[in-house]
Amino acid sequence: MLKYIIRRLIYSIPVLFGVLLVTFVLARAVPGDPCKAILGEKATQEVCDRFIKEKGLDKPVPQQFLIYLKDLAKGDLGTSIRFRRPITQILSERLPTTVELGLSALILASLIGIPLGMFSALKHNSMFDVGTMIFANIGVSMPVFWLGLMLIYLFALVLKDTPLALPPSGRLSPGVVSVPFYEVWGWYPEDAKDVPKILQFFSNLYVFNALITANWEVFKDAVRHLILPSVALATIPMAIIARMTRSSMLQVKEMDYVRTARAKGLYERVVVLRHIFRNALLPLVTVIGLQLGVIFSGAILTETIFSLAGVGRSLFEAITSRDYPVIQGFTVVIAIGYIFLNLFVDLTYGFLDPRIRIE
């Protein structure tokens, strides 16, 4: 197992290098002047020349890439041209928003999509099955930006004076403050400047931070702010997961070992959960892993619509302002996340199906 993990990580190095190279070249191939994008159209040529030289953008692109790889090997993701702050600091602030939103959407999509697919397969060709597939097709067809706007209109405007009203934007209501757990527990004072980035990252996961500090006011408020963007982002993955669960279970339920299990007199619940659903999980796990990528790509629109300062929105702003270090730094982190996610999915196969052995 350990050899397999090490081998997969070594194989991932060329993939990561390719992602870095393509991102580096394409970011600089986008039309536009980073000086004009950041300093404004009225910036003089003299100011722009000094700006370009100061940021090292006057060097040839291959030389810039080699410098970037050298800094990256030291763990330095660079400094934002626009904000003049380290990329790691921006990531510790923005990445938790996307992670919290993405995981919430994936959990919601799985909790609803899997049972819908299961019951649809067990009641094949029934009214429930037909209704579920119609719902799934509608869910796949609805754009995230349209659904997000409709949810805001319904729950923030039409139902604003009812108990069903939900906040249309942001992560917390005005006046509600999430105090980092390391301050609550007295690890670091409020004005400390040397707090590790990993602690800042977890403290910016507001739901997690509120849970471990038992701050139920912040927890309730953070969850309420997550509902609308999570539903908007989870709709398409939910529909895909439901369809894949149904398709996989329909295929498995016709196998000989399922008929044998029923012939042995096993309870239907045992047959469904232990023999049908468990063997239908392999393709489902793959689809769920792929849907996480869909969720993070859809986070760009979702974060923009709901005014969430996450990685997706930050990437969009970095591209429009030609902030190359932010584009590259965020891409590196996302690529590494995908690599470990695919590795986790592959390792899960061995636990779900004993017939699969990872050499």
Protein backbone atom coordinates (compact mmCIF):
# COMPACT_ATOMS: atom_id res chain seq x y z
CA MET A 1 0.00 0.00 0.00
CA LEU A 2 2.75 2.45 0.94
CA LYS A 3 4.67 1.67 -2.26
CA TYR A 4 1.52 2.28 -4.28
CA ILE A 5 0.95 5.67 -2.64
CA ILE A 6 4.56 6.73 -3.17
CA ARG A 7 4.45 5.59 -6.80
CA ARG A 8 1.23 7.52 -7.45
CA LEU A 9 2.71 10.65 -5.89
CA ILE A 10 5.82 10.34 -8.06
CA TYR A 11 3.67 9.90 -11.17
CA SER A 12 1.78 13.05 -10.17
CA ILE A 13 4.89 15.23 -10.41
CA PRO A 14 4.85 15.44 -14.26
CA VAL A 15 1.10 16.17 -14.12
CA LEU A 16 1.66 18.99 -11.65
CA PHE A 17 4.55 20.34 -13.73
CA GLY A 18 2.36 20.30 -16.85
CA VAL A 19 -0.43 22.17 -15.05
CA LEU A 20 2.07 24.77 -13.85
CA LEU A 21 3.58 25.22 -17.30
CA VAL A 22 0.27 25.54 -19.11
CA THR A 23 -1.14 27.91 -16.50
CA PHE A 24 2.02 30.02 -16.52
CA VAL A 25 2.04 30.39 -20.31
CA LEU A 26 -1.71 30.89 -20.76
CA ALA A 27 -1.90 33.51 -18.02
CA ARG A 28 0.68 35.61 -19.85
CA ALA A 29 -0.93 34.95 -23.22
CA VAL A 30 -4.19 36.62 -22.14
CA PRO A 31 -4.47 39.99 -23.91
CA GLY A 32 -4.02 43.01 -21.69
CA ASP A 33 -1.39 44.94 -19.78
CA PRO A 34 -1.08 44.01 -16.07
CA CYS A 35 0.06 47.55 -15.31
CA LYS A 36 -3.05 49.10 -16.87
CA ALA A 37 -5.29 46.44 -15.28
CA ILE A 38 -3.97 47.13 -11.77
CA LEU A 39 -2.93 50.80 -11.80
CA GLY A 40 -5.63 51.98 -14.19
CA GLU A 41 -5.78 53.21 -17.77
CA LYS A 42 -4.33 56.61 -16.82
CA ALA A 43 -1.00 55.15 -15.68
CA THR A 44 1.87 56.71 -17.65
CA GLN A 45 4.35 54.69 -19.66
CA GLU A 46 7.12 55.63 -17.24
CA VAL A 47 5.10 54.37 -14.28
CA CYS A 48 4.25 51.17 -16.17
CA ASP A 49 7.88 50.53 -17.09
CA ARG A 50 8.91 50.88 -13.46
CA PHE A 51 6.00 48.65 -12.37
CA ILE A 52 6.86 45.91 -14.88
CA LYS A 53 10.54 45.95 -13.89
CA GLU A 54 9.73 45.92 -10.17
CA LYS A 55 7.49 42.85 -10.57
CA GLY A 56 10.04 41.02 -12.74
CA LEU A 57 7.69 40.91 -15.74
CA ASP A 58 10.31 42.39 -18.05
CA LYS A 59 12.28 39.12 -18.10
CA PRO A 60 11.67 36.44 -20.77
CA VAL A 61 8.83 34.06 -19.93
CA PRO A 62 11.11 30.96 -19.65
CA GLN A 63 13.31 32.82 -17.17
CA GLN A 64 10.25 33.90 -15.18
CA PHE A 65 9.06 30.28 -15.09
CA LEU A 66 12.40 29.00 -13.81
CA ILE A 67 12.43 31.65 -11.08
CA TYR A 68 8.89 30.67 -10.12
CA LEU A 69 9.80 26.96 -9.93
CA LYS A 70 12.82 27.80 -7.76
CA ASP A 71 10.65 29.81 -5.34
CA LEU A 72 7.96 27.13 -5.39
CA ALA A 73 10.50 24.47 -4.39
CA LYS A 74 11.19 26.59 -1.28
CA GLY A 75 7.47 26.70 -0.46
CA ASP A 76 7.10 30.29 -1.64
CA LEU A 77 3.96 30.77 -3.74
CA GLY A 78 4.86 34.39 -4.41
CA THR A 79 3.28 37.75 -3.62
CA SER A 80 0.12 39.17 -5.15
CA ILE A 81 0.80 42.02 -7.58
CA ARG A 82 -2.58 43.56 -6.87
CA PHE A 83 -2.76 43.25 -3.08
CA ARG A 84 1.00 43.12 -2.33
CA ARG A 85 0.42 40.29 0.12
CA PRO A 86 1.82 36.73 0.24
CA ILE A 87 -0.27 34.18 -1.66
CA THR A 88 -0.26 31.86 1.36
CA GLN A 89 -1.92 34.55 3.44
CA ILE A 90 -4.61 35.15 0.81
CA LEU A 91 -5.16 31.38 0.51
CA SER A 92 -5.64 31.00 4.27
CA GLU A 93 -8.41 33.60 4.03
CA ARG A 94 -10.10 32.64 0.74
CA LEU A 95 -9.67 28.86 0.45
CA PRO A 96 -11.78 28.03 3.56
CA THR A 97 -14.80 29.71 1.95
CA THR A 98 -14.55 27.50 -1.14
CA VAL A 99 -13.82 24.35 0.88
CA GLU A 100 -16.77 24.98 3.20
CA LEU A 101 -19.09 25.70 0.27
CA GLY A 102 -17.82 22.77 -1.82
CA LEU A 103 -18.06 20.20 0.96
CA SER A 104 -21.52 21.42 1.94
CA ALA A 105 -22.71 21.14 -1.66
CA LEU A 106 -21.15 17.68 -2.09
CA ILE A 107 -22.65 16.36 1.16
CA LEU A 108 -26.07 17.77 0.21
CA ALA A 109 -25.84 16.31 -3.30
CA SER A 110 -24.85 12.88 -1.94
CA LEU A 111 -27.42 12.77 0.89
CA ILE A 112 -30.25 13.51 -1.52
CA GLY A 113 -28.95 12.06 -4.79
CA ILE A 114 -28.00 8.59 -3.49
CA PRO A 115 -31.35 7.79 -1.78
CA LEU A 116 -33.26 9.12 -4.80
CA GLY A 117 -31.23 6.90 -7.11
CA MET A 118 -31.63 3.88 -4.81
CA PHE A 119 -35.42 4.12 -4.52
CA SER A 120 -35.69 4.88 -8.22
CA ALA A 121 -33.79 1.68 -9.06
CA LEU A 122 -35.79 -0.42 -6.57
CA LYS A 123 -39.06 0.94 -8.01
CA HIS A 124 -37.98 0.72 -11.63
CA ASN A 125 -40.51 2.07 -14.18
CA SER A 126 -42.83 3.26 -11.41
CA MET A 127 -44.21 6.80 -11.09
CA PHE A 128 -41.52 7.52 -8.51
CA ASP A 129 -38.81 6.38 -10.93
CA VAL A 130 -40.19 8.52 -13.76
CA GLY A 131 -40.59 11.54 -11.47
CA THR A 132 -37.05 11.17 -10.14
CA MET A 133 -35.55 11.02 -13.62
CA ILE A 134 -37.57 14.06 -14.72
CA PHE A 135 -36.27 15.91 -11.65
CA ALA A 136 -32.72 14.78 -12.43
CA ASN A 137 -32.94 15.98 -16.04
CA ILE A 138 -34.29 19.34 -14.91
CA GLY A 139 -31.51 19.61 -12.31
CA VAL A 140 -28.79 18.94 -14.88
CA SER A 141 -30.29 21.52 -17.23
CA MET A 142 -30.48 24.44 -14.78
CA PRO A 143 -27.48 26.82 -14.92
CA VAL A 144 -25.95 27.64 -11.54
CA PHE A 145 -26.16 31.40 -12.05
CA TRP A 146 -29.89 31.28 -12.96
CA LEU A 147 -30.78 28.98 -10.06
CA GLY A 148 -28.78 31.12 -7.64
CA LEU A 149 -30.61 34.28 -8.69
CA MET A 150 -33.99 32.53 -8.44
CA LEU A 151 -33.18 31.27 -4.94
CA ILE A 152 -32.14 34.76 -3.85
CA TYR A 153 -35.33 36.24 -5.30
CA LEU A 154 -37.53 33.63 -3.59
CA PHE A 155 -35.96 33.32 -0.13
CA ALA A 156 -34.49 36.80 0.32
CA LEU A 157 -37.24 38.91 -1.30
CA VAL A 158 -40.54 37.04 -1.64
CA LEU A 159 -40.20 35.26 1.75
CA LYS A 160 -38.20 37.95 3.55
CA ASP A 161 -40.84 38.50 6.28
CA THR A 162 -41.41 34.80 6.96
CA PRO A 163 -39.50 32.19 8.99
CA LEU A 164 -38.26 30.72 5.69
CA ALA A 165 -36.25 33.84 4.82
CA LEU A 166 -32.56 33.22 4.19
CA PRO A 167 -29.63 35.65 3.73
CA PRO A 168 -28.74 36.30 0.08
CA SER A 169 -25.02 36.99 0.42
CA GLY A 170 -21.95 36.85 2.65
CA ARG A 171 -20.87 34.28 5.20
CA LEU A 172 -22.02 35.94 8.42
CA SER A 173 -24.57 38.60 9.32
CA PRO A 174 -23.36 42.09 10.33
CA GLY A 175 -22.41 42.12 13.98
CA VAL A 176 -21.78 38.37 14.16
CA VAL A 177 -18.07 37.69 14.68
CA SER A 178 -16.31 34.34 14.49
CA VAL A 179 -13.49 34.36 17.04
CA PRO A 180 -10.69 31.95 16.00
CA PHE A 181 -10.42 28.88 18.18
CA TYR A 182 -6.74 29.54 18.91
CA GLU A 183 -7.74 32.85 20.52
CA VAL A 184 -10.61 31.27 22.45
CA TRP A 185 -8.28 28.58 23.79
CA GLY A 186 -5.51 31.09 24.55
CA TRP A 187 -2.94 29.68 22.15
CA TYR A 188 -2.24 33.05 20.52
CA PRO A 189 -3.31 36.55 21.60
CA GLU A 190 -5.65 38.62 19.44
CA ASP A 191 -2.84 40.81 18.06
CA ALA A 192 -0.42 37.95 17.35
CA LYS A 193 1.20 38.14 13.90
CA ASP A 194 2.97 34.78 13.86
CA VAL A 195 -0.10 32.50 13.86
CA PRO A 196 0.58 29.47 11.61
CA LYS A 197 -1.30 29.60 8.31
CA ILE A 198 -2.78 26.15 8.94
CA LEU A 199 -4.47 27.44 12.12
CA GLN A 200 -5.75 30.49 10.25
CA PHE A 201 -7.14 28.19 7.56
CA PHE A 202 -9.15 26.04 9.98
CA SER A 203 -10.32 29.06 11.97
CA ASN A 204 -11.73 30.57 8.76
CA LEU A 205 -13.93 27.49 8.33
CA TYR A 206 -16.70 29.24 10.24
CA VAL A 207 -18.93 26.19 10.75
CA PHE A 208 -16.03 24.07 11.99
CA ASN A 209 -14.65 26.90 14.15
CA ALA A 210 -18.06 27.52 15.72
CA LEU A 211 -18.53 23.82 16.46
CA ILE A 212 -15.25 23.30 18.28
CA THR A 213 -15.68 26.54 20.26
CA ALA A 214 -19.38 25.85 21.02
CA ASN A 215 -20.37 29.25 19.59
CA TRP A 216 -23.89 28.29 18.55
CA GLU A 217 -24.89 31.78 17.43
CA VAL A 218 -22.10 31.84 14.84
CA PHE A 219 -22.81 28.21 13.89
CA LYS A 220 -26.50 28.90 13.22
CA ASP A 221 -25.75 32.08 11.28
CA ALA A 222 -22.99 30.46 9.19
CA VAL A 223 -25.22 27.49 8.30
CA ARG A 224 -28.08 29.81 7.27
CA HIS A 225 -25.71 31.70 4.96
CA LEU A 226 -24.52 28.40 3.43
CA ILE A 227 -27.96 27.04 2.54
CA LEU A 228 -28.72 29.01 -0.65
CA PRO A 229 -25.25 28.80 -2.29
CA SER A 230 -24.96 25.12 -1.35
CA VAL A 231 -28.33 24.28 -2.89
CA ALA A 232 -27.50 26.23 -6.05
CA LEU A 233 -24.12 24.52 -6.36
CA ALA A 234 -25.37 21.03 -5.43
CA THR A 235 -28.25 20.78 -7.90
CA ILE A 236 -26.32 19.53 -10.95
CA PRO A 237 -24.10 17.06 -8.98
CA MET A 238 -27.20 15.85 -7.13
CA ALA A 239 -28.95 15.02 -10.39
CA ILE A 240 -25.87 13.26 -11.81
CA ILE A 241 -25.34 11.23 -8.62
CA ALA A 242 -29.01 10.17 -8.59
CA ARG A 243 -28.84 9.02 -12.21
CA MET A 244 -25.55 7.15 -11.69
CA THR A 245 -26.84 5.45 -8.51
CA ARG A 246 -29.96 4.31 -10.34
CA SER A 247 -28.03 3.05 -13.37
CA SER A 248 -25.43 1.21 -11.30
CA MET A 249 -28.00 -0.46 -9.03
CA LEU A 250 -30.16 -1.52 -11.97
CA GLN A 251 -27.13 -3.27 -13.44
CA VAL A 252 -26.11 -4.96 -10.19
CA LYS A 253 -29.60 -6.11 -9.13
CA GLU A 254 -29.76 -8.47 -12.14
CA MET A 255 -26.58 -10.32 -11.14
CA ASP A 256 -26.68 -13.99 -10.21
CA TYR A 257 -25.39 -13.47 -6.69
CA VAL A 258 -28.32 -11.14 -5.94
CA ARG A 259 -30.81 -13.81 -7.00
CA THR A 260 -28.88 -16.33 -4.91
CA ALA A 261 -29.04 -14.06 -1.88
CA ARG A 262 -32.82 -13.77 -2.23
CA ALA A 263 -33.13 -17.55 -2.76
CA LYS A 264 -31.27 -18.11 0.52
CA GLY A 265 -34.07 -16.23 2.28
CA LEU A 266 -32.16 -13.09 3.27
CA TYR A 267 -34.17 -10.06 4.24
CA GLU A 268 -34.71 -7.62 1.37
CA ARG A 269 -32.98 -4.88 3.38
CA VAL A 270 -29.86 -7.05 3.68
CA VAL A 271 -29.95 -7.91 -0.03
CA VAL A 272 -30.27 -4.24 -1.03
CA LEU A 273 -27.67 -2.78 1.31
CA ARG A 274 -25.08 -5.57 1.47
CA HIS A 275 -25.28 -7.11 -1.99
CA ILE A 276 -26.73 -4.51 -4.37
CA PHE A 277 -25.77 -1.10 -3.02
CA ARG A 278 -22.29 -2.07 -1.85
CA ASN A 279 -21.34 -3.49 -5.24
CA ALA A 280 -22.86 -0.47 -6.99
CA LEU A 281 -20.64 1.89 -5.00
CA LEU A 282 -17.49 1.61 -7.18
CA PRO A 283 -18.69 3.67 -10.15
CA LEU A 284 -20.59 5.92 -7.74
CA VAL A 285 -17.42 6.79 -5.81
CA THR A 286 -15.71 7.73 -9.05
CA VAL A 287 -18.61 9.97 -10.05
CA ILE A 288 -18.72 11.66 -6.64
CA GLY A 289 -14.98 12.35 -6.87
CA LEU A 290 -15.44 13.87 -10.32
CA GLN A 291 -18.39 15.95 -9.12
CA LEU A 292 -16.16 17.63 -6.58
CA GLY A 293 -14.27 19.05 -9.54
CA VAL A 294 -17.55 20.21 -11.08
CA ILE A 295 -18.47 21.84 -7.78
CA PHE A 296 -15.21 23.77 -7.54
CA SER A 297 -15.51 24.93 -11.15
CA GLY A 298 -19.08 26.05 -10.49
CA ALA A 299 -17.91 27.87 -7.36
CA ILE A 300 -16.68 30.77 -9.53
CA LEU A 301 -20.23 31.73 -10.51
CA THR A 302 -21.75 30.78 -7.16
CA GLU A 303 -19.28 32.84 -5.14
CA THR A 304 -19.80 35.82 -7.43
CA ILE A 305 -23.62 35.64 -7.20
CA PHE A 306 -23.68 35.21 -3.41
CA SER A 307 -20.78 37.64 -2.73
CA LEU A 308 -18.51 35.03 -1.19
CA ALA A 309 -14.80 35.80 -1.08
CA GLY A 310 -13.53 32.37 -2.07
CA VAL A 311 -10.98 30.87 -4.44
CA GLY A 312 -13.31 30.92 -7.46
CA ARG A 313 -14.14 34.59 -7.18
CA SER A 314 -10.53 35.45 -6.38
CA LEU A 315 -9.33 33.57 -9.46
CA PHE A 316 -11.80 35.46 -11.64
CA GLU A 317 -10.64 38.78 -10.22
CA ALA A 318 -6.98 37.76 -10.60
CA ILE A 319 -7.50 36.87 -14.27
CA THR A 320 -9.24 40.17 -15.03
CA SER A 321 -6.48 42.15 -13.25
CA ARG A 322 -3.61 40.01 -14.66
CA ASP A 323 -2.44 39.12 -11.15
CA TYR A 324 -0.19 36.26 -12.30
CA PRO A 325 1.10 35.09 -8.88
CA VAL A 326 -2.45 34.62 -7.57
CA ILE A 327 -3.49 32.69 -10.69
CA GLN A 328 -0.45 30.41 -10.43
CA GLY A 329 -0.59 29.96 -6.65
CA PHE A 330 -4.29 29.10 -6.55
CA THR A 331 -3.90 26.75 -9.53
CA VAL A 332 -1.08 24.88 -7.76
CA VAL A 333 -3.21 24.36 -4.66
CA ILE A 334 -6.25 23.22 -6.70
CA ALA A 335 -4.11 20.82 -8.76
CA ILE A 336 -2.59 19.30 -5.62
CA GLY A 337 -6.08 18.91 -4.18
CA TYR A 338 -7.24 17.02 -7.28
CA ILE A 339 -4.20 14.74 -7.14
CA PHE A 340 -4.88 13.73 -3.54
CA LEU A 341 -8.59 13.40 -4.24
CA ASN A 342 -7.95 10.94 -7.10
CA LEU A 343 -5.53 9.03 -4.88
CA PHE A 344 -8.17 8.83 -2.14
CA VAL A 345 -10.77 7.53 -4.63
CA ASP A 346 -8.37 4.82 -5.85
CA LEU A 347 -7.58 3.75 -2.30
CA THR A 348 -11.28 3.59 -1.48
CA TYR A 349 -11.81 0.92 -4.16
CA GLY A 350 -9.82 -1.62 -2.14
CA PHE A 351 -12.01 -1.11 0.92
CA LEU A 352 -15.30 -1.25 -0.99
CA ASP A 353 -14.48 -4.32 -3.07
CA PRO A 354 -12.12 -6.96 -1.58
CA ARG A 355 -11.58 -8.33 -5.08
CA ILE A 356 -9.57 -5.24 -5.92
CA ARG A 357 -6.02 -5.43 -4.64
CA ILE A 358 -3.69 -2.45 -4.82
CA GLU A 359 -0.27 -3.78 -5.62
